[in-house]
Amino acid sequence: MEPLNKKVELEIKANSMYTSMIPKPGVLFIGERGLEFRGEGQGYIQIPYKEIVGVRAQLFFGRRYVRGFFVDTKSGTFNFVVSKGRRALQTMGQHLPHNIFTRNISSFEGMFKRITKR
């Protein structure tokens, strides 16, 4: 498969959570044209920036630690758990509009909000 990017701006270890039970380890490449994930052994995901409609960051410890992010595209959602989440979001932010970046609401936070509204 032909690479999406000619220049890689950030290369980080990542797990693709294609299925929640079986994470796929590999490397995430962020470049000038989009995201590329190469799994160990088999597996390849290419996401051009023009296909991305939203990025939801998974924040922990008082929003100081970025565990990973969801990439919402026109055709589906991809979940990546990365080693350098903050740097990955900053690198993507150079190519994407800032209004598509949001914080992912965890199931615990959603449940807490529903309880406190009553």
PDB file of N, CA and C in Angstrom:
ATOM      1  N   MET A   1       0.843  -1.178   0.000  1.00  0.00           N
ATOM      2  CA  MET A   1       0.000   0.000   0.000  1.00  0.00           C
ATOM      3  C   MET A   1       0.890   1.244   0.000  1.00  0.00           C
ATOM      4  N   GLU A   2       0.506   2.212  -0.767  1.00  0.00           N
ATOM      5  CA  GLU A   2       1.277   3.454  -0.900  1.00  0.00           C
ATOM      6  C   GLU A   2       1.061   4.350   0.322  1.00  0.00           C
ATOM      7  N   PRO A   3       2.139   4.928   0.874  1.00  0.00           N
ATOM      8  CA  PRO A   3       1.995   5.810   2.032  1.00  0.00           C
ATOM      9  C   PRO A   3       1.156   7.053   1.710  1.00  0.00           C
ATOM     10  N   LEU A   4       0.408   7.509   2.693  1.00  0.00           N
ATOM     11  CA  LEU A   4      -0.424   8.699   2.544  1.00  0.00           C
ATOM     12  C   LEU A   4       0.417   9.970   2.612  1.00  0.00           C
ATOM     13  N   ASN A   5       1.387   9.994   3.513  1.00  0.00           N
ATOM     14  CA  ASN A   5       2.211  11.183   3.744  1.00  0.00           C
ATOM     15  C   ASN A   5       3.571  11.068   3.071  1.00  0.00           C
ATOM     16  N   LYS A   6       4.043  12.185   2.545  1.00  0.00           N
ATOM     17  CA  LYS A   6       5.408  12.228   2.026  1.00  0.00           C
ATOM     18  C   LYS A   6       6.380  12.611   3.138  1.00  0.00           C
ATOM     19  N   LYS A   7       5.895  13.406   4.100  1.00  0.00           N
ATOM     20  CA  LYS A   7       6.714  13.836   5.225  1.00  0.00           C
ATOM     21  C   LYS A   7       5.995  13.463   6.522  1.00  0.00           C
ATOM     22  N   VAL A   8       6.647  12.691   7.384  1.00  0.00           N
ATOM     23  CA  VAL A   8       6.086  12.304   8.673  1.00  0.00           C
ATOM     24  C   VAL A   8       6.533  13.323   9.714  1.00  0.00           C
ATOM     25  N   GLU A   9       5.566  13.962  10.375  1.00  0.00           N
ATOM     26  CA  GLU A   9       5.864  14.977  11.375  1.00  0.00           C
ATOM     27  C   GLU A   9       5.980  14.395  12.777  1.00  0.00           C
ATOM     28  N   LEU A  10       5.261  13.287  13.038  1.00  0.00           N
ATOM     29  CA  LEU A  10       5.310  12.656  14.350  1.00  0.00           C
ATOM     30  C   LEU A  10       5.087  11.159  14.185  1.00  0.00           C
ATOM     31  N   GLU A  11       5.932  10.388  14.833  1.00  0.00           N
ATOM     32  CA  GLU A  11       5.827   8.929  14.825  1.00  0.00           C
ATOM     33  C   GLU A  11       5.771   8.477  16.278  1.00  0.00           C
ATOM     34  N   ILE A  12       4.652   7.808  16.656  1.00  0.00           N
ATOM     35  CA  ILE A  12       4.480   7.395  18.051  1.00  0.00           C
ATOM     36  C   ILE A  12       3.941   5.976  18.125  1.00  0.00           C
ATOM     37  N   LYS A  13       4.237   5.311  19.241  1.00  0.00           N
ATOM     38  CA  LYS A  13       3.668   3.992  19.496  1.00  0.00           C
ATOM     39  C   LYS A  13       2.190   4.174  19.806  1.00  0.00           C
ATOM     40  N   ALA A  14       1.382   3.256  19.284  1.00  0.00           N
ATOM     41  CA  ALA A  14      -0.051   3.378  19.483  1.00  0.00           C
ATOM     42  C   ALA A  14      -0.704   2.001  19.452  1.00  0.00           C
ATOM     43  N   ASN A  15      -1.886   1.943  20.008  1.00  0.00           N
ATOM     44  CA  ASN A  15      -2.749   0.775  19.888  1.00  0.00           C
ATOM     45  C   ASN A  15      -4.013   1.216  19.187  1.00  0.00           C
ATOM     46  N   SER A  16      -4.386   0.484  18.157  1.00  0.00           N
ATOM     47  CA  SER A  16      -5.661   0.739  17.505  1.00  0.00           C
ATOM     48  C   SER A  16      -6.700  -0.117  18.205  1.00  0.00           C
ATOM     49  N   MET A  17      -7.700   0.527  18.749  1.00  0.00           N
ATOM     50  CA  MET A  17      -8.752  -0.192  19.461  1.00  0.00           C
ATOM     51  C   MET A  17      -9.884  -0.500  18.490  1.00  0.00           C
ATOM     52  N   TYR A  18      -9.541  -1.217  17.432  1.00  0.00           N
ATOM     53  CA  TYR A  18     -10.532  -1.569  16.412  1.00  0.00           C
ATOM     54  C   TYR A  18     -11.646  -2.386  17.041  1.00  0.00           C
ATOM     55  N   THR A  19     -11.282  -3.301  17.918  1.00  0.00           N
ATOM     56  CA  THR A  19     -12.247  -3.983  18.772  1.00  0.00           C
ATOM     57  C   THR A  19     -11.823  -3.710  20.206  1.00  0.00           C
ATOM     58  N   SER A  20     -12.771  -3.525  21.086  1.00  0.00           N
ATOM     59  CA  SER A  20     -12.436  -3.152  22.458  1.00  0.00           C
ATOM     60  C   SER A  20     -11.754  -4.280  23.221  1.00  0.00           C
ATOM     61  N   MET A  21     -11.929  -5.506  22.789  1.00  0.00           N
ATOM     62  CA  MET A  21     -11.342  -6.643  23.484  1.00  0.00           C
ATOM     63  C   MET A  21      -9.933  -6.970  23.002  1.00  0.00           C
ATOM     64  N   ILE A  22      -9.617  -6.647  21.764  1.00  0.00           N
ATOM     65  CA  ILE A  22      -8.323  -7.006  21.197  1.00  0.00           C
ATOM     66  C   ILE A  22      -7.664  -5.763  20.593  1.00  0.00           C
ATOM     67  N   PRO A  23      -6.835  -5.055  21.378  1.00  0.00           N
ATOM     68  CA  PRO A  23      -6.130  -3.905  20.801  1.00  0.00           C
ATOM     69  C   PRO A  23      -5.039  -4.365  19.842  1.00  0.00           C
ATOM     70  N   LYS A  24      -4.823  -3.591  18.802  1.00  0.00           N
ATOM     71  CA  LYS A  24      -3.799  -3.913  17.801  1.00  0.00           C
ATOM     72  C   LYS A  24      -2.626  -2.967  18.009  1.00  0.00           C
ATOM     73  N   PRO A  25      -1.460  -3.475  18.472  1.00  0.00           N
ATOM     74  CA  PRO A  25      -0.301  -2.596  18.654  1.00  0.00           C
ATOM     75  C   PRO A  25       0.335  -2.236  17.320  1.00  0.00           C
ATOM     76  N   GLY A  26       0.942  -1.058  17.290  1.00  0.00           N
ATOM     77  CA  GLY A  26       1.601  -0.613  16.067  1.00  0.00           C
ATOM     78  C   GLY A  26       2.183   0.773  16.239  1.00  0.00           C
ATOM     79  N   VAL A  27       2.317   1.456  15.113  1.00  0.00           N
ATOM     80  CA  VAL A  27       2.893   2.801  15.088  1.00  0.00           C
ATOM     81  C   VAL A  27       1.936   3.728  14.356  1.00  0.00           C
ATOM     82  N   LEU A  28       1.703   4.919  14.937  1.00  0.00           N
ATOM     83  CA  LEU A  28       0.862   5.933  14.322  1.00  0.00           C
ATOM     84  C   LEU A  28       1.761   7.014  13.741  1.00  0.00           C
ATOM     85  N   PHE A  29       1.584   7.292  12.465  1.00  0.00           N
ATOM     86  CA  PHE A  29       2.345   8.334  11.778  1.00  0.00           C
ATOM     87  C   PHE A  29       1.402   9.494  11.494  1.00  0.00           C
ATOM     88  N   ILE A  30       1.805  10.694  11.883  1.00  0.00           N
ATOM     89  CA  ILE A  30       1.020  11.899  11.604  1.00  0.00           C
ATOM     90  C   ILE A  30       1.858  12.755  10.670  1.00  0.00           C
ATOM     91  N   GLY A  31       1.284  13.084   9.524  1.00  0.00           N
ATOM     92  CA  GLY A  31       2.028  13.843   8.525  1.00  0.00           C
ATOM     93  C   GLY A  31       1.229  14.992   7.974  1.00  0.00           C
ATOM     94  N   GLU A  32       1.651  15.483   6.817  1.00  0.00           N
ATOM     95  CA  GLU A  32       1.023  16.670   6.227  1.00  0.00           C
ATOM     96  C   GLU A  32      -0.314  16.362   5.565  1.00  0.00           C
ATOM     97  N   ARG A  33      -0.600  15.103   5.278  1.00  0.00           N
ATOM     98  CA  ARG A  33      -1.854  14.760   4.597  1.00  0.00           C
ATOM     99  C   ARG A  33      -2.847  13.993   5.457  1.00  0.00           C
ATOM    100  N   GLY A  34      -2.396  13.429   6.578  1.00  0.00           N
ATOM    101  CA  GLY A  34      -3.325  12.685   7.408  1.00  0.00           C
ATOM    102  C   GLY A  34      -2.636  11.755   8.391  1.00  0.00           C
ATOM    103  N   LEU A  35      -3.424  10.800   8.916  1.00  0.00           N
ATOM    104  CA  LEU A  35      -2.943   9.829   9.892  1.00  0.00           C
ATOM    105  C   LEU A  35      -2.773   8.476   9.219  1.00  0.00           C
ATOM    106  N   GLU A  36      -1.714   7.770   9.620  1.00  0.00           N
ATOM    107  CA  GLU A  36      -1.487   6.411   9.140  1.00  0.00           C
ATOM    108  C   GLU A  36      -1.149   5.540  10.335  1.00  0.00           C
ATOM    109  N   PHE A  37      -1.812   4.418  10.456  1.00  0.00           N
ATOM    110  CA  PHE A  37      -1.509   3.457  11.506  1.00  0.00           C
ATOM    111  C   PHE A  37      -1.044   2.173  10.842  1.00  0.00           C
ATOM    112  N   ARG A  38       0.122   1.720  11.250  1.00  0.00           N
ATOM    113  CA  ARG A  38       0.656   0.453  10.756  1.00  0.00           C
ATOM    114  C   ARG A  38       0.739  -0.508  11.925  1.00  0.00           C
ATOM    115  N   GLY A  39      -0.070  -1.548  11.868  1.00  0.00           N
ATOM    116  CA  GLY A  39      -0.070  -2.541  12.926  1.00  0.00           C
ATOM    117  C   GLY A  39       1.102  -3.491  12.810  1.00  0.00           C
ATOM    118  N   GLU A  40       1.501  -4.060  13.951  1.00  0.00           N
ATOM    119  CA  GLU A  40       2.562  -5.055  13.935  1.00  0.00           C
ATOM    120  C   GLU A  40       2.037  -6.293  13.210  1.00  0.00           C
ATOM    121  N   GLY A  41       2.792  -6.767  12.245  1.00  0.00           N
ATOM    122  CA  GLY A  41       2.335  -7.903  11.453  1.00  0.00           C
ATOM    123  C   GLY A  41       1.429  -7.432  10.342  1.00  0.00           C
ATOM    124  N   GLN A  42       0.142  -7.460  10.577  1.00  0.00           N
ATOM    125  CA  GLN A  42      -0.845  -7.036   9.584  1.00  0.00           C
ATOM    126  C   GLN A  42      -1.598  -5.819  10.093  1.00  0.00           C
ATOM    127  N   GLY A  43      -2.255  -5.163   9.191  1.00  0.00           N
ATOM    128  CA  GLY A  43      -3.110  -4.048   9.557  1.00  0.00           C
ATOM    129  C   GLY A  43      -2.566  -2.712   9.115  1.00  0.00           C
ATOM    130  N   TYR A  44      -3.425  -1.937   8.502  1.00  0.00           N
ATOM    131  CA  TYR A  44      -3.031  -0.634   7.981  1.00  0.00           C
ATOM    132  C   TYR A  44      -4.271   0.236   7.933  1.00  0.00           C
ATOM    133  N   ILE A  45      -4.182   1.429   8.510  1.00  0.00           N
ATOM    134  CA  ILE A  45      -5.295   2.385   8.480  1.00  0.00           C
ATOM    135  C   ILE A  45      -4.752   3.701   7.966  1.00  0.00           C
ATOM    136  N   GLN A  46      -5.415   4.285   6.971  1.00  0.00           N
ATOM    137  CA  GLN A  46      -5.073   5.606   6.462  1.00  0.00           C
ATOM    138  C   GLN A  46      -6.289   6.519   6.610  1.00  0.00           C
ATOM    139  N   ILE A  47      -6.083   7.670   7.231  1.00  0.00           N
ATOM    140  CA  ILE A  47      -7.172   8.628   7.421  1.00  0.00           C
ATOM    141  C   ILE A  47      -6.699   9.986   6.922  1.00  0.00           C
ATOM    142  N   PRO A  48      -7.147  10.405   5.728  1.00  0.00           N
ATOM    143  CA  PRO A  48      -6.790  11.745   5.242  1.00  0.00           C
ATOM    144  C   PRO A  48      -7.491  12.819   6.084  1.00  0.00           C
ATOM    145  N   TYR A  49      -6.861  13.972   6.242  1.00  0.00           N
ATOM    146  CA  TYR A  49      -7.447  15.056   7.029  1.00  0.00           C
ATOM    147  C   TYR A  49      -8.803  15.494   6.480  1.00  0.00           C
ATOM    148  N   LYS A  50      -8.985  15.443   5.169  1.00  0.00           N
ATOM    149  CA  LYS A  50     -10.259  15.894   4.588  1.00  0.00           C
ATOM    150  C   LYS A  50     -11.427  14.987   4.968  1.00  0.00           C
ATOM    151  N   GLU A  51     -11.157  13.764   5.450  1.00  0.00           N
ATOM    152  CA  GLU A  51     -12.204  12.838   5.874  1.00  0.00           C
ATOM    153  C   GLU A  51     -12.575  13.000   7.346  1.00  0.00           C
ATOM    154  N   ILE A  52     -11.759  13.698   8.116  1.00  0.00           N
ATOM    155  CA  ILE A  52     -11.970  13.817   9.563  1.00  0.00           C
ATOM    156  C   ILE A  52     -13.013  14.897   9.851  1.00  0.00           C
ATOM    157  N   VAL A  53     -14.049  14.511  10.629  1.00  0.00           N
ATOM    158  CA  VAL A  53     -15.088  15.465  11.019  1.00  0.00           C
ATOM    159  C   VAL A  53     -15.019  15.817  12.504  1.00  0.00           C
ATOM    160  N   GLY A  54     -14.258  15.036  13.285  1.00  0.00           N
ATOM    161  CA  GLY A  54     -14.124  15.327  14.708  1.00  0.00           C
ATOM    162  C   GLY A  54     -13.015  14.510  15.346  1.00  0.00           C
ATOM    163  N   VAL A  55     -12.419  15.084  16.396  1.00  0.00           N
ATOM    164  CA  VAL A  55     -11.405  14.394  17.192  1.00  0.00           C
ATOM    165  C   VAL A  55     -11.796  14.581  18.647  1.00  0.00           C
ATOM    166  N   ARG A  56     -12.004  13.459  19.365  1.00  0.00           N
ATOM    167  CA  ARG A  56     -12.409  13.513  20.773  1.00  0.00           C
ATOM    168  C   ARG A  56     -11.274  12.970  21.636  1.00  0.00           C
ATOM    169  N   ALA A  57     -10.708  13.810  22.465  1.00  0.00           N
ATOM    170  CA  ALA A  57      -9.578  13.432  23.310  1.00  0.00           C
ATOM    171  C   ALA A  57     -10.063  12.756  24.585  1.00  0.00           C
ATOM    172  N   GLN A  58      -9.341  11.716  25.012  1.00  0.00           N
ATOM    173  CA  GLN A  58      -9.614  11.021  26.264  1.00  0.00           C
ATOM    174  C   GLN A  58      -8.682  11.601  27.321  1.00  0.00           C
ATOM    175  N   LEU A  59      -9.230  12.431  28.214  1.00  0.00           N
ATOM    176  CA  LEU A  59      -8.433  13.144  29.209  1.00  0.00           C
ATOM    177  C   LEU A  59      -8.620  12.521  30.589  1.00  0.00           C
ATOM    178  N   PHE A  60      -7.519  12.443  31.349  1.00  0.00           N
ATOM    179  CA  PHE A  60      -7.549  11.888  32.693  1.00  0.00           C
ATOM    180  C   PHE A  60      -6.727  12.772  33.623  1.00  0.00           C
ATOM    181  N   PHE A  61      -6.845  12.521  34.936  1.00  0.00           N
ATOM    182  CA  PHE A  61      -6.089  13.222  35.973  1.00  0.00           C
ATOM    183  C   PHE A  61      -6.251  14.736  35.862  1.00  0.00           C
ATOM    184  N   GLY A  62      -7.487  15.172  35.928  1.00  0.00           N
ATOM    185  CA  GLY A  62      -7.755  16.607  35.884  1.00  0.00           C
ATOM    186  C   GLY A  62      -7.384  17.240  34.558  1.00  0.00           C
ATOM    187  N   ARG A  63      -7.554  16.522  33.484  1.00  0.00           N
ATOM    188  CA  ARG A  63      -7.276  16.983  32.113  1.00  0.00           C
ATOM    189  C   ARG A  63      -5.785  17.215  31.849  1.00  0.00           C
ATOM    190  N   ARG A  64      -4.930  16.604  32.655  1.00  0.00           N
ATOM    191  CA  ARG A  64      -3.484  16.774  32.459  1.00  0.00           C
ATOM    192  C   ARG A  64      -2.882  15.665  31.593  1.00  0.00           C
ATOM    193  N   TYR A  65      -3.541  14.537  31.480  1.00  0.00           N
ATOM    194  CA  TYR A  65      -2.983  13.400  30.752  1.00  0.00           C
ATOM    195  C   TYR A  65      -3.923  13.002  29.619  1.00  0.00           C
ATOM    196  N   VAL A  66      -3.381  12.910  28.416  1.00  0.00           N
ATOM    197  CA  VAL A  66      -4.157  12.483  27.249  1.00  0.00           C
ATOM    198  C   VAL A  66      -3.818  11.023  26.986  1.00  0.00           C
ATOM    199  N   ARG A  67      -4.773  10.146  27.217  1.00  0.00           N
ATOM    200  CA  ARG A  67      -4.565   8.708  27.031  1.00  0.00           C
ATOM    201  C   ARG A  67      -4.622   8.326  25.566  1.00  0.00           C
ATOM    202  N   GLY A  68      -5.509   8.961  24.846  1.00  0.00           N
ATOM    203  CA  GLY A  68      -5.715   8.645  23.444  1.00  0.00           C
ATOM    204  C   GLY A  68      -6.787   9.539  22.873  1.00  0.00           C
ATOM    205  N   PHE A  69      -7.321   9.136  21.718  1.00  0.00           N
ATOM    206  CA  PHE A  69      -8.351   9.950  21.084  1.00  0.00           C
ATOM    207  C   PHE A  69      -9.164   9.115  20.121  1.00  0.00           C
ATOM    208  N   PHE A  70     -10.375   9.574  19.880  1.00  0.00           N
ATOM    209  CA  PHE A  70     -11.262   9.012  18.863  1.00  0.00           C
ATOM    210  C   PHE A  70     -11.185   9.922  17.647  1.00  0.00           C
ATOM    211  N   VAL A  71     -11.081   9.339  16.477  1.00  0.00           N
ATOM    212  CA  VAL A  71     -11.094  10.104  15.236  1.00  0.00           C
ATOM    213  C   VAL A  71     -12.399   9.761  14.525  1.00  0.00           C
ATOM    214  N   ASP A  72     -13.298  10.732  14.445  1.00  0.00           N
ATOM    215  CA  ASP A  72     -14.579  10.545  13.765  1.00  0.00           C
ATOM    216  C   ASP A  72     -14.418  10.961  12.310  1.00  0.00           C
ATOM    217  N   THR A  73     -14.734  10.041  11.397  1.00  0.00           N
ATOM    218  CA  THR A  73     -14.633  10.320   9.972  1.00  0.00           C
ATOM    219  C   THR A  73     -16.018  10.227   9.350  1.00  0.00           C
ATOM    220  N   LYS A  74     -16.082  10.524   8.071  1.00  0.00           N
ATOM    221  CA  LYS A  74     -17.346  10.440   7.349  1.00  0.00           C
ATOM    222  C   LYS A  74     -17.846   9.007   7.259  1.00  0.00           C
ATOM    223  N   SER A  75     -16.950   8.028   7.382  1.00  0.00           N
ATOM    224  CA  SER A  75     -17.341   6.627   7.225  1.00  0.00           C
ATOM    225  C   SER A  75     -17.289   5.809   8.510  1.00  0.00           C
ATOM    226  N   GLY A  76     -16.853   6.393   9.634  1.00  0.00           N
ATOM    227  CA  GLY A  76     -16.786   5.636  10.879  1.00  0.00           C
ATOM    228  C   GLY A  76     -15.903   6.312  11.908  1.00  0.00           C
ATOM    229  N   THR A  77     -15.681   5.604  13.027  1.00  0.00           N
ATOM    230  CA  THR A  77     -14.881   6.129  14.125  1.00  0.00           C
ATOM    231  C   THR A  77     -13.722   5.187  14.409  1.00  0.00           C
ATOM    232  N   PHE A  78     -12.548   5.761  14.662  1.00  0.00           N
ATOM    233  CA  PHE A  78     -11.354   5.006  15.000  1.00  0.00           C
ATOM    234  C   PHE A  78     -10.884   5.458  16.373  1.00  0.00           C
ATOM    235  N   ASN A  79     -10.458   4.506  17.204  1.00  0.00           N
ATOM    236  CA  ASN A  79      -9.990   4.793  18.558  1.00  0.00           C
ATOM    237  C   ASN A  79      -8.517   4.419  18.644  1.00  0.00           C
ATOM    238  N   PHE A  80      -7.687   5.365  19.075  1.00  0.00           N
ATOM    239  CA  PHE A  80      -6.259   5.124  19.232  1.00  0.00           C
ATOM    240  C   PHE A  80      -5.843   5.454  20.663  1.00  0.00           C
ATOM    241  N   VAL A  81      -5.089   4.555  21.280  1.00  0.00           N
ATOM    242  CA  VAL A  81      -4.453   4.804  22.561  1.00  0.00           C
ATOM    243  C   VAL A  81      -2.985   4.991  22.246  1.00  0.00           C
ATOM    244  N   VAL A  82      -2.425   6.148  22.625  1.00  0.00           N
ATOM    245  CA  VAL A  82      -1.083   6.526  22.170  1.00  0.00           C
ATOM    246  C   VAL A  82      -0.160   6.824  23.343  1.00  0.00           C
ATOM    247  N   SER A  83       1.141   6.794  23.058  1.00  0.00           N
ATOM    248  CA  SER A  83       2.133   7.068  24.097  1.00  0.00           C
ATOM    249  C   SER A  83       2.321   8.559  24.332  1.00  0.00           C
ATOM    250  N   LYS A  84       2.148   9.382  23.326  1.00  0.00           N
ATOM    251  CA  LYS A  84       2.339  10.831  23.445  1.00  0.00           C
ATOM    252  C   LYS A  84       1.094  11.541  22.913  1.00  0.00           C
ATOM    253  N   GLY A  85       0.030  11.458  23.686  1.00  0.00           N
ATOM    254  CA  GLY A  85      -1.255  11.980  23.235  1.00  0.00           C
ATOM    255  C   GLY A  85      -1.286  13.476  23.025  1.00  0.00           C
ATOM    256  N   ARG A  86      -0.704  14.216  23.942  1.00  0.00           N
ATOM    257  CA  ARG A  86      -0.724  15.684  23.830  1.00  0.00           C
ATOM    258  C   ARG A  86       0.020  16.145  22.574  1.00  0.00           C
ATOM    259  N   ARG A  87       1.185  15.553  22.314  1.00  0.00           N
ATOM    260  CA  ARG A  87       1.952  15.921  21.111  1.00  0.00           C
ATOM    261  C   ARG A  87       1.200  15.529  19.847  1.00  0.00           C
ATOM    262  N   ALA A  88       0.506  14.393  19.874  1.00  0.00           N
ATOM    263  CA  ALA A  88      -0.258  13.960  18.711  1.00  0.00           C
ATOM    264  C   ALA A  88      -1.376  14.950  18.398  1.00  0.00           C
ATOM    265  N   LEU A  89      -2.096  15.397  19.424  1.00  0.00           N
ATOM    266  CA  LEU A  89      -3.176  16.364  19.212  1.00  0.00           C
ATOM    267  C   LEU A  89      -2.634  17.703  18.730  1.00  0.00           C
ATOM    268  N   GLN A  90      -1.492  18.125  19.264  1.00  0.00           N
ATOM    269  CA  GLN A  90      -0.892  19.387  18.822  1.00  0.00           C
ATOM    270  C   GLN A  90      -0.462  19.301  17.364  1.00  0.00           C
ATOM    271  N   THR A  91       0.090  18.171  16.961  1.00  0.00           N
ATOM    272  CA  THR A  91       0.526  18.001  15.568  1.00  0.00           C
ATOM    273  C   THR A  91      -0.676  17.986  14.625  1.00  0.00           C
ATOM    274  N   MET A  92      -1.750  17.285  15.015  1.00  0.00           N
ATOM    275  CA  MET A  92      -2.956  17.282  14.184  1.00  0.00           C
ATOM    276  C   MET A  92      -3.585  18.665  14.121  1.00  0.00           C
ATOM    277  N   GLY A  93      -3.468  19.438  15.225  1.00  0.00           N
ATOM    278  CA  GLY A  93      -4.037  20.774  15.286  1.00  0.00           C
ATOM    279  C   GLY A  93      -3.416  21.747  14.299  1.00  0.00           C
ATOM    280  N   GLN A  94      -2.227  21.433  13.816  1.00  0.00           N
ATOM    281  CA  GLN A  94      -1.597  22.292  12.806  1.00  0.00           C
ATOM    282  C   GLN A  94      -2.265  22.140  11.443  1.00  0.00           C
ATOM    283  N   HIS A  95      -3.027  21.050  11.237  1.00  0.00           N
ATOM    284  CA  HIS A  95      -3.624  20.766   9.935  1.00  0.00           C
ATOM    285  C   HIS A  95      -5.153  20.765   9.957  1.00  0.00           C
ATOM    286  N   LEU A  96      -5.746  20.727  11.136  1.00  0.00           N
ATOM    287  CA  LEU A  96      -7.199  20.651  11.257  1.00  0.00           C
ATOM    288  C   LEU A  96      -7.726  21.900  11.953  1.00  0.00           C
ATOM    289  N   PRO A  97      -8.985  22.303  11.666  1.00  0.00           N
ATOM    290  CA  PRO A  97      -9.569  23.443  12.381  1.00  0.00           C
ATOM    291  C   PRO A  97      -9.761  23.099  13.863  1.00  0.00           C
ATOM    292  N   HIS A  98      -9.546  24.055  14.726  1.00  0.00           N
ATOM    293  CA  HIS A  98      -9.578  23.804  16.163  1.00  0.00           C
ATOM    294  C   HIS A  98     -10.976  23.496  16.692  1.00  0.00           C
ATOM    295  N   ASN A  99     -12.020  23.866  15.966  1.00  0.00           N
ATOM    296  CA  ASN A  99     -13.371  23.629  16.466  1.00  0.00           C
ATOM    297  C   ASN A  99     -13.805  22.165  16.382  1.00  0.00           C
ATOM    298  N   ILE A 100     -13.045  21.300  15.723  1.00  0.00           N
ATOM    299  CA  ILE A 100     -13.430  19.885  15.668  1.00  0.00           C
ATOM    300  C   ILE A 100     -12.834  19.083  16.820  1.00  0.00           C
ATOM    301  N   PHE A 101     -11.955  19.691  17.623  1.00  0.00           N
ATOM    302  CA  PHE A 101     -11.362  19.011  18.769  1.00  0.00           C
ATOM    303  C   PHE A 101     -12.265  19.201  19.984  1.00  0.00           C
ATOM    304  N   THR A 102     -12.639  18.086  20.624  1.00  0.00           N
ATOM    305  CA  THR A 102     -13.469  18.133  21.819  1.00  0.00           C
ATOM    306  C   THR A 102     -12.927  17.152  22.852  1.00  0.00           C
ATOM    307  N   ARG A 103     -13.474  17.238  24.029  1.00  0.00           N
ATOM    308  CA  ARG A 103     -13.128  16.298  25.097  1.00  0.00           C
ATOM    309  C   ARG A 103     -14.162  15.185  25.102  1.00  0.00           C
ATOM    310  N   ASN A 104     -13.713  13.953  25.154  1.00  0.00           N
ATOM    311  CA  ASN A 104     -14.619  12.810  25.182  1.00  0.00           C
ATOM    312  C   ASN A 104     -15.206  12.676  26.585  1.00  0.00           C
ATOM    313  N   ILE A 105     -16.512  12.562  26.667  1.00  0.00           N
ATOM    314  CA  ILE A 105     -17.180  12.368  27.945  1.00  0.00           C
ATOM    315  C   ILE A 105     -17.164  10.868  28.240  1.00  0.00           C
ATOM    316  N   SER A 106     -16.544  10.473  29.358  1.00  0.00           N
ATOM    317  CA  SER A 106     -16.499   9.056  29.715  1.00  0.00           C
ATOM    318  C   SER A 106     -17.868   8.608  30.202  1.00  0.00           C
ATOM    319  N   SER A 107     -18.092   7.317  30.246  1.00  0.00           N
ATOM    320  CA  SER A 107     -19.382   6.796  30.699  1.00  0.00           C
ATOM    321  C   SER A 107     -19.617   7.151  32.169  1.00  0.00           C
ATOM    322  N   PHE A 108     -18.552   7.207  32.972  1.00  0.00           N
ATOM    323  CA  PHE A 108     -18.684   7.574  34.380  1.00  0.00           C
ATOM    324  C   PHE A 108     -19.128   9.029  34.515  1.00  0.00           C
ATOM    325  N   GLU A 109     -18.525   9.931  33.729  1.00  0.00           N
ATOM    326  CA  GLU A 109     -18.908  11.346  33.780  1.00  0.00           C
ATOM    327  C   GLU A 109     -20.346  11.537  33.329  1.00  0.00           C
ATOM    328  N   GLY A 110     -20.742  10.824  32.279  1.00  0.00           N
ATOM    329  CA  GLY A 110     -22.113  10.923  31.790  1.00  0.00           C
ATOM    330  C   GLY A 110     -23.116  10.460  32.833  1.00  0.00           C
ATOM    331  N   MET A 111     -22.793   9.370  33.537  1.00  0.00           N
ATOM    332  CA  MET A 111     -23.672   8.856  34.579  1.00  0.00           C
ATOM    333  C   MET A 111     -23.747   9.856  35.736  1.00  0.00           C
ATOM    334  N   PHE A 112     -22.619  10.447  36.114  1.00  0.00           N
ATOM    335  CA  PHE A 112     -22.588  11.423  37.202  1.00  0.00           C
ATOM    336  C   PHE A 112     -23.439  12.650  36.864  1.00  0.00           C
ATOM    337  N   LYS A 113     -23.374  13.114  35.605  1.00  0.00           N
ATOM    338  CA  LYS A 113     -24.174  14.268  35.195  1.00  0.00           C
ATOM    339  C   LYS A 113     -25.662  13.960  35.242  1.00  0.00           C
ATOM    340  N   ARG A 114     -26.054  12.740  34.832  1.00  0.00           N
ATOM    341  CA  ARG A 114     -27.468  12.374  34.865  1.00  0.00           C
ATOM    342  C   ARG A 114     -27.975  12.316  36.294  1.00  0.00           C
ATOM    343  N   ILE A 115     -27.158  11.820  37.217  1.00  0.00           N
ATOM    344  CA  ILE A 115     -27.567  11.720  38.614  1.00  0.00           C
ATOM    345  C   ILE A 115     -27.706  13.104  39.242  1.00  0.00           C
ATOM    346  N   THR A 116     -26.788  14.007  38.956  1.00  0.00           N
ATOM    347  CA  THR A 116     -26.817  15.332  39.577  1.00  0.00           C
ATOM    348  C   THR A 116     -27.903  16.240  38.996  1.00  0.00           C
ATOM    349  N   LYS A 117     -28.422  15.930  37.816  1.00  0.00           N
ATOM    350  CA  LYS A 117     -29.487  16.745  37.217  1.00  0.00           C
ATOM    351  C   LYS A 117     -30.818  16.521  37.918  1.00  0.00           C
ATOM    352  N   ARG A 118     -30.989  15.395  38.577  1.00  0.00           N
ATOM    353  CA  ARG A 118     -32.281  15.063  39.202  1.00  0.00           C
ATOM    354  C   ARG A 118     -32.542  15.854  40.426  1.00  0.00           C
TER     355      ARG A 118
END
